C-alpha cells in the first residue's frame, strides 16, 4: 500500500493483527519493498516500544488523516524496561529515524491514503 504526507510517498507494509502489531519492526529493517510500517488499530491512545528493533524509528500517530503526534528518532531498546512512546490515533506509521525532520513532516500535517 502507498500513502503520502506533504508530497512524500511511502510504500508501507500494513499490520492489522495483534501478532503483527506486537512484532512490528522487531528484528527487521526497511528494504526496497517498503519504507514504512503502518499499524491499523482502534482510534484511541496507543503506546509502542522499541524492543529488539534494529534501527531508530520515527513514530507517527494519525487520527483520521491528520498527524496527532510524532516521536522522533526513537532508539532501539535492548534491555527492559523499554521506554514507551504514546499517542492518539487509529493509524501509527513507523519510518526510519530522522525521516520526519528530513522531509519536514510535522504534527497537523495531512496523510493521503489511497481510495
Protein backbone atom coordinates (compact mmCIF):
# COMPACT_ATOMS: atom_id res chain seq x y z
CA UNK A 1 0.00 0.00 0.00
CA UNK A 2 1.15 3.55 -0.63
CA UNK A 3 0.45 6.74 1.32
CA UNK A 4 1.63 10.31 1.07
CA UNK A 5 2.49 13.10 3.52
CA UNK A 6 3.24 16.57 2.07
CA UNK A 7 4.04 15.02 -1.30
CA UNK A 8 6.43 12.49 0.27
CA UNK A 9 5.41 8.99 -0.80
CA UNK A 10 5.78 5.90 1.33
CA UNK A 11 5.40 2.26 0.36
CA UNK A 12 4.06 0.71 3.56
CA UNK A 13 3.62 -2.75 4.94
CA UNK A 14 0.22 -2.86 6.68
CA UNK A 15 -0.10 -4.58 10.07
CA UNK A 16 -3.59 -5.34 11.42
CA UNK A 17 -3.48 -8.41 13.66
CA UNK A 18 -2.41 -8.32 17.31
CA UNK A 19 0.56 -10.61 16.49
CA UNK A 20 1.72 -8.35 13.63
CA UNK A 21 1.33 -5.29 15.84
CA UNK A 22 3.30 -6.86 18.68
CA UNK A 23 6.17 -7.89 16.37
CA UNK A 24 6.20 -4.64 14.37
CA UNK A 25 9.77 -3.76 13.33
CA UNK A 26 11.40 -6.21 15.76
CA UNK A 27 14.48 -7.69 14.09
CA UNK A 28 13.52 -6.07 10.75
CA UNK A 29 14.84 -3.29 8.59
CA UNK A 30 13.35 -1.45 5.64
CA UNK A 31 14.25 -2.52 2.11
CA UNK A 32 13.23 -1.79 -1.48
CA UNK A 33 9.79 -3.36 -0.92
CA UNK A 34 8.74 -0.99 1.90
CA UNK A 35 9.96 2.13 3.67
CA UNK A 36 7.22 2.35 6.27
CA UNK A 37 5.16 0.11 8.52
CA UNK A 38 1.53 1.13 9.06
CA UNK A 39 -0.40 -0.22 12.03
CA UNK A 40 -4.19 -0.13 11.67
CA UNK A 41 -5.82 -0.12 15.11
CA UNK A 42 -8.75 1.25 17.10
CA UNK A 43 -8.80 5.04 17.22
CA UNK A 44 -7.57 5.59 20.78
CA UNK A 45 -4.32 6.05 22.70
CA UNK A 46 -1.61 3.52 21.85
CA UNK A 47 1.88 3.02 23.20
CA UNK A 48 4.77 1.43 21.33
CA UNK A 49 8.25 0.43 22.39
CA UNK A 50 11.46 -0.32 20.53
CA UNK A 51 12.20 -3.79 21.93
CA UNK A 52 14.57 -5.73 19.61
CA UNK A 53 14.44 -3.10 16.86
CA UNK A 54 17.50 -2.80 14.66
CA UNK A 55 17.36 0.89 13.72
CA UNK A 56 15.97 4.10 15.27
CA UNK A 57 12.43 4.92 14.12
CA UNK A 58 10.14 7.92 13.83
CA UNK A 59 6.67 7.03 15.13
CA UNK A 60 3.82 8.99 13.55
CA UNK A 61 0.37 8.80 15.19
CA UNK A 62 -2.54 9.58 12.84
CA UNK A 63 -6.20 10.27 13.67
CA UNK A 64 -8.30 10.08 10.51
CA UNK A 65 -5.99 11.82 8.07
CA UNK A 66 -4.15 14.19 10.45
CA UNK A 67 -0.90 13.63 12.33
CA UNK A 68 -1.52 13.99 16.07
CA UNK A 69 1.93 13.14 17.46
CA UNK A 70 5.43 12.35 16.25
CA UNK A 71 8.16 10.72 18.31
CA UNK A 72 11.43 11.44 16.51
CA UNK A 73 14.40 9.10 16.19
CA UNK A 74 13.34 6.58 18.87
CA UNK A 75 16.38 4.42 19.70
CA UNK A 76 16.29 0.61 19.79
CA UNK A 77 15.82 -0.95 23.22
CA UNK A 78 17.87 -3.97 24.18
CA UNK A 79 17.08 -4.28 27.88
CA UNK A 80 13.77 -4.00 29.68
CA UNK A 81 12.15 -1.88 30.85
CA UNK A 82 11.89 -0.14 27.47
CA UNK A 83 10.62 3.40 27.09
CA UNK A 84 7.04 3.70 25.78
CA UNK A 85 6.13 6.13 23.00
CA UNK A 86 2.42 7.01 23.18
CA UNK A 87 -0.05 8.94 21.07
CA UNK A 88 -3.65 9.12 19.83
CA UNK A 89 -4.94 7.72 16.57
CA UNK A 90 -6.14 4.73 14.61
CA UNK A 91 -3.04 4.61 12.44
CA UNK A 92 0.57 4.53 13.51
CA UNK A 93 3.27 4.86 10.86
CA UNK A 94 6.85 3.85 11.61
CA UNK A 95 9.58 5.13 9.31
CA UNK A 96 13.36 5.30 9.50
CA UNK A 97 14.56 7.62 12.28
CA UNK A 98 15.14 11.17 11.07
CA UNK A 99 12.70 10.88 8.16
CA UNK A 100 10.18 13.38 9.57
CA UNK A 101 12.78 16.09 10.20
CA UNK A 102 14.44 15.48 6.82
CA UNK A 103 11.11 15.71 4.97
CA UNK A 104 9.54 18.47 7.08
CA UNK A 105 6.73 16.23 8.35
CA UNK A 106 5.07 17.65 11.47
CA UNK A 107 2.05 17.43 13.77
CA UNK A 108 -1.12 18.58 11.98
CA UNK A 109 0.02 17.50 8.51
CA UNK A 110 -2.46 15.60 6.36
CA UNK A 111 -1.85 11.99 5.36
CA UNK A 112 -3.27 10.91 1.99
CA UNK A 113 -4.34 7.29 1.79
CA UNK A 114 -5.33 5.52 -1.45
CA UNK A 115 -9.04 5.42 -2.26
